[in-house]
């Protein structure tokens, strides 16, 4: 089998990795995304093409990960309003003149973690990415759940509180609003502007910060409990910048799950931090190319 190339197109950076067929990263590259309006091919598409020329990977299998809902045929992103100018409906295979299967970036990150990361070999797994918002993805019996339209896995938009505040998709009381970085100011009555500031204050013994943080982690535990009951995973992977909190996240989360989680016959679902970091999407895109490309 030829070399694999996984390309993760983010709002700020394009990350591209070359991998062996077994999943060992050989080389990596990054470029600025350059998301801006254009009359021709999107700026970031031209950047991807230039990056590929530099790799000398003419025979490599290529996979792409990007924000938004991937089209059913896997050739483009079908829905991503307001960001990534020109990405909706952009056919990567036609543009690159080679097979280039496309995945949603959170879906790709989960596949990367299952291939070479925190959940190697798992067949039933959930990924939650906790950052500005809350992303997610689901693997069930070895299959990535995409759903009828491709939006499966948007776990951050599940309704878990009585709050009237709505997520960007219109969901009231969403998990994203309860723990996403973008609502820290609202949740702390303006005292903190980021999750990092909130956790640092909590670590320093600020009782008001502790109250806000613990409440957020409790909601996260309630959400994970619900996902476990619905999907019955063997492992839940937590990624995103919030994992830098380490024990300040995982210790109270474990305590709440001890209280909430249904554990038939004593079975406890593993809750683990992601291990591939910002490269998980590139790993998953490469794995997807390995599985879906018809070329040998």
C-alpha atoms as a PDB file:
ATOM      1  CA  UNK A   1       0.000   0.000   0.000  1.00  0.00           C
ATOM      2  CA  UNK A   2       1.201   3.522  -0.766  1.00  0.00           C
ATOM      3  CA  UNK A   3       1.937   6.325   1.647  1.00  0.00           C
ATOM      4  CA  UNK A   4      -1.056   8.054   3.240  1.00  0.00           C
ATOM      5  CA  UNK A   5      -1.595  11.801   3.504  1.00  0.00           C
ATOM      6  CA  UNK A   6      -4.118  13.276   5.921  1.00  0.00           C
ATOM      7  CA  UNK A   7      -5.102  16.935   5.596  1.00  0.00           C
ATOM      8  CA  UNK A   8      -7.025  18.740   8.346  1.00  0.00           C
ATOM      9  CA  UNK A   9      -8.334  22.135   7.228  1.00  0.00           C
ATOM     10  CA  UNK A  10      -9.099  24.304  10.235  1.00  0.00           C
ATOM     11  CA  UNK A  11     -10.237  27.879  10.567  1.00  0.00           C
ATOM     12  CA  UNK A  12      -6.707  29.052  11.393  1.00  0.00           C
ATOM     13  CA  UNK A  13      -4.318  26.379  10.148  1.00  0.00           C
ATOM     14  CA  UNK A  14      -4.080  23.599   7.599  1.00  0.00           C
ATOM     15  CA  UNK A  15      -2.319  20.587   9.092  1.00  0.00           C
ATOM     16  CA  UNK A  16      -1.019  17.916   6.744  1.00  0.00           C
ATOM     17  CA  UNK A  17       0.689  14.695   7.760  1.00  0.00           C
ATOM     18  CA  UNK A  18       2.325  11.918   5.764  1.00  0.00           C
ATOM     19  CA  UNK A  19       1.825   8.470   7.282  1.00  0.00           C
ATOM     20  CA  UNK A  20       2.975   4.940   6.710  1.00  0.00           C
ATOM     21  CA  UNK A  21       0.168   2.459   5.906  1.00  0.00           C
ATOM     22  CA  UNK A  22       0.455   1.235   9.504  1.00  0.00           C
ATOM     23  CA  UNK A  23      -0.194   4.728  10.868  1.00  0.00           C
ATOM     24  CA  UNK A  24       3.247   6.049  11.778  1.00  0.00           C
ATOM     25  CA  UNK A  25       3.553   9.772  11.096  1.00  0.00           C
ATOM     26  CA  UNK A  26       6.510  10.354   8.789  1.00  0.00           C
ATOM     27  CA  UNK A  27       6.397  14.104   8.191  1.00  0.00           C
ATOM     28  CA  UNK A  28       4.094  16.987   9.030  1.00  0.00           C
ATOM     29  CA  UNK A  29       3.425  20.421   7.570  1.00  0.00           C
ATOM     30  CA  UNK A  30       1.324  23.414   8.601  1.00  0.00           C
ATOM     31  CA  UNK A  31       0.180  26.515   6.727  1.00  0.00           C
ATOM     32  CA  UNK A  32      -2.178  29.375   7.465  1.00  0.00           C
ATOM     33  CA  UNK A  33      -5.668  28.659   6.206  1.00  0.00           C
ATOM     34  CA  UNK A  34      -6.258  32.050   4.634  1.00  0.00           C
ATOM     35  CA  UNK A  35     -10.050  31.848   4.805  1.00  0.00           C
ATOM     36  CA  UNK A  36     -11.258  34.774   2.696  1.00  0.00           C
ATOM     37  CA  UNK A  37     -13.739  35.407  -0.137  1.00  0.00           C
ATOM     38  CA  UNK A  38     -12.539  34.588  -3.641  1.00  0.00           C
ATOM     39  CA  UNK A  39     -14.082  34.268  -7.085  1.00  0.00           C
ATOM     40  CA  UNK A  40     -12.253  31.067  -7.994  1.00  0.00           C
ATOM     41  CA  UNK A  41     -11.202  28.072  -5.932  1.00  0.00           C
ATOM     42  CA  UNK A  42     -11.054  28.781  -2.198  1.00  0.00           C
ATOM     43  CA  UNK A  43      -7.744  30.215  -1.029  1.00  0.00           C
ATOM     44  CA  UNK A  44      -7.168  27.274   1.292  1.00  0.00           C
ATOM     45  CA  UNK A  45      -7.715  24.828  -1.583  1.00  0.00           C
ATOM     46  CA  UNK A  46      -4.886  26.419  -3.529  1.00  0.00           C
ATOM     47  CA  UNK A  47      -2.738  26.179  -0.391  1.00  0.00           C
ATOM     48  CA  UNK A  48      -3.536  22.469  -0.062  1.00  0.00           C
ATOM     49  CA  UNK A  49      -2.515  21.897  -3.673  1.00  0.00           C
ATOM     50  CA  UNK A  50       0.780  23.709  -3.106  1.00  0.00           C
ATOM     51  CA  UNK A  51       1.462  21.667   0.024  1.00  0.00           C
ATOM     52  CA  UNK A  52       0.848  18.445  -1.858  1.00  0.00           C
ATOM     53  CA  UNK A  53       3.310  19.455  -4.558  1.00  0.00           C
ATOM     54  CA  UNK A  54       5.955  19.817  -1.864  1.00  0.00           C
ATOM     55  CA  UNK A  55       5.405  16.300  -0.548  1.00  0.00           C
ATOM     56  CA  UNK A  56       6.391  14.454  -3.718  1.00  0.00           C
ATOM     57  CA  UNK A  57       3.524  12.127  -2.846  1.00  0.00           C
ATOM     58  CA  UNK A  58       2.126  11.633  -6.319  1.00  0.00           C
ATOM     59  CA  UNK A  59       1.088   8.072  -5.517  1.00  0.00           C
ATOM     60  CA  UNK A  60      -0.116   8.705  -1.975  1.00  0.00           C
ATOM     61  CA  UNK A  61      -3.684   8.150  -0.865  1.00  0.00           C
ATOM     62  CA  UNK A  62      -5.169  11.435   0.340  1.00  0.00           C
ATOM     63  CA  UNK A  63      -7.925  12.147   2.850  1.00  0.00           C
ATOM     64  CA  UNK A  64      -9.356  15.489   3.935  1.00  0.00           C
ATOM     65  CA  UNK A  65     -11.003  16.649   7.157  1.00  0.00           C
ATOM     66  CA  UNK A  66     -12.797  19.979   7.462  1.00  0.00           C
ATOM     67  CA  UNK A  67     -15.492  21.715   9.539  1.00  0.00           C
ATOM     68  CA  UNK A  68     -19.094  21.248   8.505  1.00  0.00           C
ATOM     69  CA  UNK A  69     -21.389  18.439   7.417  1.00  0.00           C
ATOM     70  CA  UNK A  70     -19.749  16.173   4.844  1.00  0.00           C
ATOM     71  CA  UNK A  71     -21.743  15.264   1.736  1.00  0.00           C
ATOM     72  CA  UNK A  72     -23.146  11.748   1.510  1.00  0.00           C
ATOM     73  CA  UNK A  73     -20.826  10.916  -1.397  1.00  0.00           C
ATOM     74  CA  UNK A  74     -17.792  11.999   0.640  1.00  0.00           C
ATOM     75  CA  UNK A  75     -16.504  14.373  -2.044  1.00  0.00           C
ATOM     76  CA  UNK A  76     -17.211  17.705  -0.355  1.00  0.00           C
ATOM     77  CA  UNK A  77     -18.519  19.577   2.658  1.00  0.00           C
ATOM     78  CA  UNK A  78     -22.224  20.030   2.030  1.00  0.00           C
ATOM     79  CA  UNK A  79     -23.048  22.503   4.805  1.00  0.00           C
ATOM     80  CA  UNK A  80     -20.825  25.033   6.586  1.00  0.00           C
ATOM     81  CA  UNK A  81     -22.504  28.447   6.637  1.00  0.00           C
ATOM     82  CA  UNK A  82     -20.650  31.627   7.516  1.00  0.00           C
ATOM     83  CA  UNK A  83     -17.116  30.213   7.595  1.00  0.00           C
ATOM     84  CA  UNK A  84     -14.601  28.644   5.231  1.00  0.00           C
ATOM     85  CA  UNK A  85     -15.535  30.695   2.173  1.00  0.00           C
ATOM     86  CA  UNK A  86     -16.234  28.512  -0.825  1.00  0.00           C
ATOM     87  CA  UNK A  87     -16.012  25.174   0.938  1.00  0.00           C
ATOM     88  CA  UNK A  88     -19.690  24.241   0.576  1.00  0.00           C
ATOM     89  CA  UNK A  89     -20.048  21.911  -2.387  1.00  0.00           C
ATOM     90  CA  UNK A  90     -16.371  22.224  -3.322  1.00  0.00           C
ATOM     91  CA  UNK A  91     -15.381  18.911  -4.931  1.00  0.00           C
ATOM     92  CA  UNK A  92     -11.893  18.082  -3.688  1.00  0.00           C
ATOM     93  CA  UNK A  93     -11.453  15.080  -5.975  1.00  0.00           C
ATOM     94  CA  UNK A  94     -12.094  17.174  -9.075  1.00  0.00           C
ATOM     95  CA  UNK A  95      -9.853  19.972  -7.876  1.00  0.00           C
ATOM     96  CA  UNK A  96      -6.913  17.733  -6.960  1.00  0.00           C
ATOM     97  CA  UNK A  97      -7.542  15.336  -9.856  1.00  0.00           C
ATOM     98  CA  UNK A  98      -7.280  12.332  -7.568  1.00  0.00           C
ATOM     99  CA  UNK A  99      -9.363  10.513  -4.958  1.00  0.00           C
ATOM    100  CA  UNK A 100      -9.708  12.648  -1.830  1.00  0.00           C
ATOM    101  CA  UNK A 101     -12.484  11.435   0.519  1.00  0.00           C
ATOM    102  CA  UNK A 102     -13.806  14.157   2.843  1.00  0.00           C
ATOM    103  CA  UNK A 103     -14.837  13.871   6.502  1.00  0.00           C
ATOM    104  CA  UNK A 104     -16.157  16.231   9.128  1.00  0.00           C
ATOM    105  CA  UNK A 105     -13.208  17.247  11.324  1.00  0.00           C
ATOM    106  CA  UNK A 106     -14.634  15.850  14.600  1.00  0.00           C
ATOM    107  CA  UNK A 107     -15.476  12.565  12.870  1.00  0.00           C
ATOM    108  CA  UNK A 108     -11.904  12.430  11.587  1.00  0.00           C
ATOM    109  CA  UNK A 109     -10.483  13.167  15.052  1.00  0.00           C
ATOM    110  CA  UNK A 110     -12.363  10.209  16.536  1.00  0.00           C
ATOM    111  CA  UNK A 111     -11.125   7.886  13.797  1.00  0.00           C
ATOM    112  CA  UNK A 112      -7.595   9.121  14.424  1.00  0.00           C
ATOM    113  CA  UNK A 113      -7.849   8.377  18.146  1.00  0.00           C
ATOM    114  CA  UNK A 114      -9.234   4.901  17.427  1.00  0.00           C
ATOM    115  CA  UNK A 115      -6.498   4.209  14.859  1.00  0.00           C
ATOM    116  CA  UNK A 116      -3.424   5.494  16.697  1.00  0.00           C
ATOM    117  CA  UNK A 117      -4.552   7.347  19.808  1.00  0.00           C
ATOM    118  CA  UNK A 118      -6.334   6.954  23.126  1.00  0.00           C
ATOM    119  CA  UNK A 119      -8.883   4.395  21.903  1.00  0.00           C
ATOM    120  CA  UNK A 120      -6.822   2.078  19.737  1.00  0.00           C
ATOM    121  CA  UNK A 121      -8.817  -0.955  18.707  1.00  0.00           C
ATOM    122  CA  UNK A 122     -12.121   0.243  20.180  1.00  0.00           C
ATOM    123  CA  UNK A 123     -15.329  -0.585  18.326  1.00  0.00           C
ATOM    124  CA  UNK A 124     -17.696   1.520  20.432  1.00  0.00           C
ATOM    125  CA  UNK A 125     -16.366   4.949  21.343  1.00  0.00           C
ATOM    126  CA  UNK A 126     -17.436   8.549  21.834  1.00  0.00           C
ATOM    127  CA  UNK A 127     -15.277  11.635  21.340  1.00  0.00           C
ATOM    128  CA  UNK A 128     -16.055  14.979  22.961  1.00  0.00           C
ATOM    129  CA  UNK A 129     -13.908  17.968  22.037  1.00  0.00           C
ATOM    130  CA  UNK A 130     -14.202  20.727  24.600  1.00  0.00           C
ATOM    131  CA  UNK A 131     -12.916  24.063  23.375  1.00  0.00           C
ATOM    132  CA  UNK A 132     -14.611  27.241  22.168  1.00  0.00           C
ATOM    133  CA  UNK A 133     -17.664  25.047  21.701  1.00  0.00           C
ATOM    134  CA  UNK A 134     -18.230  21.319  22.105  1.00  0.00           C
ATOM    135  CA  UNK A 135     -17.778  18.944  19.194  1.00  0.00           C
ATOM    136  CA  UNK A 136     -18.301  15.225  19.094  1.00  0.00           C
ATOM    137  CA  UNK A 137     -18.323  11.980  17.165  1.00  0.00           C
ATOM    138  CA  UNK A 138     -19.565   8.418  17.671  1.00  0.00           C
ATOM    139  CA  UNK A 139     -18.207   5.023  16.682  1.00  0.00           C
ATOM    140  CA  UNK A 140     -20.727   2.180  17.044  1.00  0.00           C
ATOM    141  CA  UNK A 141     -19.799  -1.457  16.412  1.00  0.00           C
ATOM    142  CA  UNK A 142     -16.789  -0.274  14.431  1.00  0.00           C
ATOM    143  CA  UNK A 143     -18.772   2.131  12.248  1.00  0.00           C
ATOM    144  CA  UNK A 144     -18.636   5.907  12.313  1.00  0.00           C
ATOM    145  CA  UNK A 145     -22.187   7.188  12.847  1.00  0.00           C
ATOM    146  CA  UNK A 146     -22.974   9.870  10.294  1.00  0.00           C
ATOM    147  CA  UNK A 147     -26.782   9.839  10.250  1.00  0.00           C
ATOM    148  CA  UNK A 148     -29.249  10.643   7.492  1.00  0.00           C
ATOM    149  CA  UNK A 149     -27.745  14.044   6.686  1.00  0.00           C
ATOM    150  CA  UNK A 150     -24.268  13.660   8.193  1.00  0.00           C
ATOM    151  CA  UNK A 151     -24.820  15.649  11.375  1.00  0.00           C
ATOM    152  CA  UNK A 152     -24.619  12.720  13.833  1.00  0.00           C
ATOM    153  CA  UNK A 153     -22.205  13.326  16.677  1.00  0.00           C
ATOM    154  CA  UNK A 154     -23.042  16.962  17.387  1.00  0.00           C
ATOM    155  CA  UNK A 155     -23.155  16.056  21.078  1.00  0.00           C
ATOM    156  CA  UNK A 156     -22.464  19.597  22.220  1.00  0.00           C
ATOM    157  CA  UNK A 157     -25.904  20.570  21.010  1.00  0.00           C
ATOM    158  CA  UNK A 158     -27.754  18.139  23.248  1.00  0.00           C
ATOM    159  CA  UNK A 159     -30.133  19.877  25.673  1.00  0.00           C
ATOM    160  CA  UNK A 160     -28.959  19.192  29.236  1.00  0.00           C
ATOM    161  CA  UNK A 161     -30.008  22.180  31.374  1.00  0.00           C
ATOM    162  CA  UNK A 162     -33.023  24.435  31.902  1.00  0.00           C
ATOM    163  CA  UNK A 163     -31.165  27.467  30.550  1.00  0.00           C
ATOM    164  CA  UNK A 164     -33.020  29.453  27.902  1.00  0.00           C
ATOM    165  CA  UNK A 165     -29.749  30.361  26.191  1.00  0.00           C
ATOM    166  CA  UNK A 166     -29.495  28.707  22.809  1.00  0.00           C
ATOM    167  CA  UNK A 167     -26.518  27.163  21.045  1.00  0.00           C
ATOM    168  CA  UNK A 168     -25.553  28.272  17.549  1.00  0.00           C
ATOM    169  CA  UNK A 169     -27.907  25.585  16.226  1.00  0.00           C
ATOM    170  CA  UNK A 170     -30.795  26.844  18.352  1.00  0.00           C
ATOM    171  CA  UNK A 171     -30.679  24.197  21.093  1.00  0.00           C
ATOM    172  CA  UNK A 172     -31.773  25.556  24.497  1.00  0.00           C
ATOM    173  CA  UNK A 173     -29.724  24.580  27.542  1.00  0.00           C
ATOM    174  CA  UNK A 174     -27.026  22.905  25.445  1.00  0.00           C
ATOM    175  CA  UNK A 175     -23.930  21.167  26.728  1.00  0.00           C
ATOM    176  CA  UNK A 176     -21.904  23.586  24.617  1.00  0.00           C
ATOM    177  CA  UNK A 177     -23.373  26.562  26.463  1.00  0.00           C
ATOM    178  CA  UNK A 178     -22.771  24.863  29.826  1.00  0.00           C
ATOM    179  CA  UNK A 179     -19.033  24.261  29.361  1.00  0.00           C
ATOM    180  CA  UNK A 180     -17.860  25.879  26.106  1.00  0.00           C
ATOM    181  CA  UNK A 181     -15.226  28.588  26.318  1.00  0.00           C
ATOM    182  CA  UNK A 182     -17.443  31.127  24.571  1.00  0.00           C
ATOM    183  CA  UNK A 183     -19.921  31.294  27.489  1.00  0.00           C
ATOM    184  CA  UNK A 184     -17.433  31.649  30.362  1.00  0.00           C
ATOM    185  CA  UNK A 185     -18.165  35.374  30.663  1.00  0.00           C
ATOM    186  CA  UNK A 186     -21.900  34.735  30.961  1.00  0.00           C
ATOM    187  CA  UNK A 187     -21.491  31.834  33.398  1.00  0.00           C
ATOM    188  CA  UNK A 188     -19.145  33.806  35.647  1.00  0.00           C
ATOM    189  CA  UNK A 189     -21.109  37.083  35.518  1.00  0.00           C
ATOM    190  CA  UNK A 190     -18.258  38.741  33.668  1.00  0.00           C
ATOM    191  CA  UNK A 191     -15.484  37.807  36.093  1.00  0.00           C
ATOM    192  CA  UNK A 192     -13.613  35.577  33.661  1.00  0.00           C
ATOM    193  CA  UNK A 193     -13.188  35.658  29.902  1.00  0.00           C
ATOM    194  CA  UNK A 194     -11.835  32.166  29.266  1.00  0.00           C
ATOM    195  CA  UNK A 195     -11.940  28.629  30.618  1.00  0.00           C
ATOM    196  CA  UNK A 196      -8.228  28.892  31.352  1.00  0.00           C
ATOM    197  CA  UNK A 197      -8.753  31.927  33.591  1.00  0.00           C
ATOM    198  CA  UNK A 198     -11.659  30.206  35.319  1.00  0.00           C
ATOM    199  CA  UNK A 199      -9.668  27.056  36.080  1.00  0.00           C
ATOM    200  CA  UNK A 200      -6.630  29.015  37.264  1.00  0.00           C
ATOM    201  CA  UNK A 201      -8.835  30.911  39.713  1.00  0.00           C
ATOM    202  CA  UNK A 202     -10.405  27.636  40.853  1.00  0.00           C
ATOM    203  CA  UNK A 203      -6.921  26.164  41.435  1.00  0.00           C
ATOM    204  CA  UNK A 204      -5.980  29.236  43.449  1.00  0.00           C
ATOM    205  CA  UNK A 205      -8.923  28.685  45.795  1.00  0.00           C
ATOM    206  CA  UNK A 206     -11.381  31.275  44.454  1.00  0.00           C
ATOM    207  CA  UNK A 207     -14.696  29.961  45.790  1.00  0.00           C
ATOM    208  CA  UNK A 208     -16.793  31.774  43.168  1.00  0.00           C
ATOM    209  CA  UNK A 209     -14.686  30.297  40.349  1.00  0.00           C
ATOM    210  CA  UNK A 210     -14.959  26.864  41.956  1.00  0.00           C
ATOM    211  CA  UNK A 211     -18.746  27.138  42.025  1.00  0.00           C
ATOM    212  CA  UNK A 212     -18.907  27.981  38.306  1.00  0.00           C
ATOM    213  CA  UNK A 213     -16.383  25.315  37.302  1.00  0.00           C
ATOM    214  CA  UNK A 214     -17.863  22.501  39.375  1.00  0.00           C
ATOM    215  CA  UNK A 215     -21.336  23.285  38.065  1.00  0.00           C
ATOM    216  CA  UNK A 216     -20.031  23.026  34.491  1.00  0.00           C
ATOM    217  CA  UNK A 217     -18.291  19.703  35.161  1.00  0.00           C
ATOM    218  CA  UNK A 218     -21.456  18.369  36.781  1.00  0.00           C
ATOM    219  CA  UNK A 219     -23.438  19.166  33.628  1.00  0.00           C
ATOM    220  CA  UNK A 220     -20.735  17.468  31.557  1.00  0.00           C
ATOM    221  CA  UNK A 221     -21.073  14.357  33.728  1.00  0.00           C
ATOM    222  CA  UNK A 222     -24.844  14.362  33.273  1.00  0.00           C
ATOM    223  CA  UNK A 223     -24.406  14.608  29.508  1.00  0.00           C
ATOM    224  CA  UNK A 224     -21.823  11.819  29.378  1.00  0.00           C
ATOM    225  CA  UNK A 225     -24.114   9.641  31.505  1.00  0.00           C
ATOM    226  CA  UNK A 226     -26.883  10.164  28.973  1.00  0.00           C
ATOM    227  CA  UNK A 227     -24.582   9.371  26.042  1.00  0.00           C
ATOM    228  CA  UNK A 228     -23.462   6.186  27.804  1.00  0.00           C
ATOM    229  CA  UNK A 229     -27.064   5.086  28.347  1.00  0.00           C
ATOM    230  CA  UNK A 230     -27.995   5.776  24.733  1.00  0.00           C
ATOM    231  CA  UNK A 231     -24.887   4.500  22.931  1.00  0.00           C
ATOM    232  CA  UNK A 232     -23.221   2.053  25.345  1.00  0.00           C
ATOM    233  CA  UNK A 233     -19.596   2.891  24.465  1.00  0.00           C
ATOM    234  CA  UNK A 234     -16.579   1.093  25.864  1.00  0.00           C
ATOM    235  CA  UNK A 235     -14.634   4.352  26.067  1.00  0.00           C
ATOM    236  CA  UNK A 236     -15.278   8.121  26.081  1.00  0.00           C
ATOM    237  CA  UNK A 237     -12.412  10.278  24.826  1.00  0.00           C
ATOM    238  CA  UNK A 238     -12.206  13.909  25.880  1.00  0.00           C
ATOM    239  CA  UNK A 239     -10.156  16.256  23.744  1.00  0.00           C
ATOM    240  CA  UNK A 240      -9.716  19.959  23.236  1.00  0.00           C
ATOM    241  CA  UNK A 241      -7.949  22.626  25.230  1.00  0.00           C
ATOM    242  CA  UNK A 242      -9.927  21.906  28.380  1.00  0.00           C
ATOM    243  CA  UNK A 243      -7.983  18.684  28.949  1.00  0.00           C
ATOM    244  CA  UNK A 244      -5.019  20.817  30.032  1.00  0.00           C
ATOM    245  CA  UNK A 245      -6.912  21.155  33.322  1.00  0.00           C
ATOM    246  CA  UNK A 246      -5.833  17.574  34.044  1.00  0.00           C
ATOM    247  CA  UNK A 247      -7.017  16.401  37.470  1.00  0.00           C
ATOM    248  CA  UNK A 248      -9.084  19.561  37.923  1.00  0.00           C
ATOM    249  CA  UNK A 249     -11.302  18.205  35.163  1.00  0.00           C
ATOM    250  CA  UNK A 250     -11.030  14.438  35.431  1.00  0.00           C
ATOM    251  CA  UNK A 251     -11.202  14.024  39.222  1.00  0.00           C
ATOM    252  CA  UNK A 252     -14.529  15.833  39.746  1.00  0.00           C
ATOM    253  CA  UNK A 253     -15.849  14.299  36.513  1.00  0.00           C
ATOM    254  CA  UNK A 254     -15.065  10.805  37.851  1.00  0.00           C
ATOM    255  CA  UNK A 255     -16.748  11.627  41.157  1.00  0.00           C
ATOM    256  CA  UNK A 256     -19.942  12.721  39.439  1.00  0.00           C
ATOM    257  CA  UNK A 257     -19.910   9.682  37.166  1.00  0.00           C
ATOM    258  CA  UNK A 258     -19.571   7.507  40.275  1.00  0.00           C
ATOM    259  CA  UNK A 259     -22.850   9.086  41.344  1.00  0.00           C
ATOM    260  CA  UNK A 260     -24.686   9.128  38.004  1.00  0.00           C
ATOM    261  CA  UNK A 261     -23.473   6.300  35.776  1.00  0.00           C
ATOM    262  CA  UNK A 262     -25.468   3.091  35.446  1.00  0.00           C
ATOM    263  CA  UNK A 263     -22.919   0.260  35.782  1.00  0.00           C
ATOM    264  CA  UNK A 264     -24.573  -3.098  35.202  1.00  0.00           C
ATOM    265  CA  UNK A 265     -22.488  -5.949  36.623  1.00  0.00           C
ATOM    266  CA  UNK A 266     -20.017  -3.305  37.798  1.00  0.00           C
ATOM    267  CA  UNK A 267     -19.058  -2.307  34.261  1.00  0.00           C
ATOM    268  CA  UNK A 268     -17.563   1.177  34.170  1.00  0.00           C
ATOM    269  CA  UNK A 269     -16.949   3.080  30.958  1.00  0.00           C
ATOM    270  CA  UNK A 270     -13.412   4.391  30.547  1.00  0.00           C
ATOM    271  CA  UNK A 271     -13.085   8.181  30.440  1.00  0.00           C
ATOM    272  CA  UNK A 272      -9.724   9.157  28.954  1.00  0.00           C
ATOM    273  CA  UNK A 273      -7.995  12.237  27.533  1.00  0.00           C
ATOM    274  CA  UNK A 274      -7.260  12.319  23.817  1.00  0.00           C
ATOM    275  CA  UNK A 275      -3.613  11.707  22.966  1.00  0.00           C
ATOM    276  CA  UNK A 276      -3.147  12.917  19.381  1.00  0.00           C
ATOM    277  CA  UNK A 277      -3.843  16.583  20.132  1.00  0.00           C
ATOM    278  CA  UNK A 278      -4.297  18.916  17.187  1.00  0.00           C
ATOM    279  CA  UNK A 279      -3.137  16.203  14.753  1.00  0.00           C
ATOM    280  CA  UNK A 280      -6.035  13.816  15.423  1.00  0.00           C
ATOM    281  CA  UNK A 281      -7.969  15.081  12.400  1.00  0.00           C
ATOM    282  CA  UNK A 282      -5.026  14.508  10.066  1.00  0.00           C
ATOM    283  CA  UNK A 283      -4.627  10.969  11.387  1.00  0.00           C
ATOM    284  CA  UNK A 284      -8.337  10.301  10.867  1.00  0.00           C
ATOM    285  CA  UNK A 285      -8.329  11.779   7.364  1.00  0.00           C
ATOM    286  CA  UNK A 286      -5.418   9.502   6.441  1.00  0.00           C
ATOM    287  CA  UNK A 287      -7.185   6.465   7.912  1.00  0.00           C
ATOM    288  CA  UNK A 288     -10.315   7.333   5.929  1.00  0.00           C
ATOM    289  CA  UNK A 289      -8.292   7.516   2.713  1.00  0.00           C
ATOM    290  CA  UNK A 290      -6.773   4.134   3.545  1.00  0.00           C
ATOM    291  CA  UNK A 291     -10.241   2.612   3.891  1.00  0.00           C
ATOM    292  CA  UNK A 292     -12.147   4.325   1.112  1.00  0.00           C
ATOM    293  CA  UNK A 293      -9.760   4.943  -1.753  1.00  0.00           C
ATOM    294  CA  UNK A 294     -10.197   2.370  -4.514  1.00  0.00           C
ATOM    295  CA  UNK A 295      -6.543   2.659  -5.515  1.00  0.00           C
ATOM    296  CA  UNK A 296      -4.017   0.035  -4.391  1.00  0.00           C
END
